[in-house]
Protein backbone atom coordinates (compact mmCIF):
# COMPACT_ATOMS: atom_id res chain seq x y z
CA MET A 1 33.77 50.48 -8.17
CA ALA A 2 37.46 51.26 -6.21
CA ARG A 3 36.50 54.55 -5.75
CA LEU A 4 33.27 53.20 -3.78
CA PHE A 5 35.74 50.95 -1.50
CA VAL A 6 38.14 53.72 -0.75
CA ALA A 7 35.49 56.09 0.54
CA SER A 8 34.17 52.67 2.93
CA ARG A 9 38.11 52.29 4.14
CA LYS A 10 38.22 55.82 4.76
CA ALA A 11 34.79 55.96 6.89
CA ALA A 12 36.33 52.77 8.49
CA ILE A 13 39.36 54.17 9.58
CA GLU A 14 37.55 57.71 10.52
CA ALA A 15 34.92 55.37 12.55
CA GLY A 16 38.08 53.45 14.31
CA LEU A 17 37.03 50.47 13.10
CA THR A 18 39.84 47.78 12.18
CA LYS A 19 38.30 45.01 9.56
CA ILE A 20 35.39 45.06 7.01
CA GLU A 21 34.96 41.56 6.41
CA ALA A 22 33.10 40.54 2.74
CA PHE A 23 30.87 37.24 2.09
CA ILE A 24 31.13 36.35 -1.29
CA GLY A 25 29.36 32.83 -2.92
CA LYS A 26 32.07 30.37 -3.68
CA ASP A 27 31.64 30.64 -7.78
CA ASN A 28 31.86 34.30 -8.38
CA LYS A 29 35.39 34.49 -9.24
CA ILE A 30 34.75 38.11 -10.32
CA ALA A 31 33.74 39.63 -7.23
CA GLN A 32 36.96 37.31 -5.14
CA SER A 33 39.10 39.08 -7.29
CA TYR A 34 37.69 42.33 -6.71
CA TYR A 35 38.04 41.74 -3.36
CA GLU A 36 41.83 40.61 -3.68
CA ARG A 37 42.53 43.90 -5.66
CA MET A 38 41.41 45.90 -2.70
CA ASP A 39 43.67 44.26 -0.29
CA PHE A 40 41.16 41.89 0.87
CA GLU A 41 42.75 38.43 2.65
CA THR A 42 40.54 35.26 2.64
CA CYS A 43 40.22 34.67 6.11
CA ARG A 44 37.63 31.38 5.71
CA HIS A 45 35.81 29.06 3.64
CA THR A 46 31.83 27.87 4.16
CA ASP A 47 30.07 25.32 1.38
CA THR A 48 28.34 28.07 -0.26
CA GLY A 49 31.15 30.97 0.06
CA VAL A 50 34.33 32.40 0.75
CA CYS A 51 35.21 35.38 3.47
CA LYS A 52 37.80 38.31 2.50
CA ALA A 53 38.92 40.63 5.07
CA TRP A 54 40.70 43.53 4.69
CA THR A 55 42.82 44.90 7.77
CA SER A 56 42.99 48.50 8.48
CA GLU A 57 47.09 49.01 9.45
CA GLU A 58 46.13 52.79 10.56
CA ASN A 59 44.35 51.42 13.94
């Protein structure tokens, strides 16, 4: 899965995007950990989930 995100991150940078957000169910600790390993940071919480964001350092 990490290779998929590497490709997604590269495509985002090439497209000029500066941010990717992921909304994850609040009880899905495995997915939350995955996104944290991919350098996503928590940006907000809702009643049902957590939003994590990756921000490009290249733009």
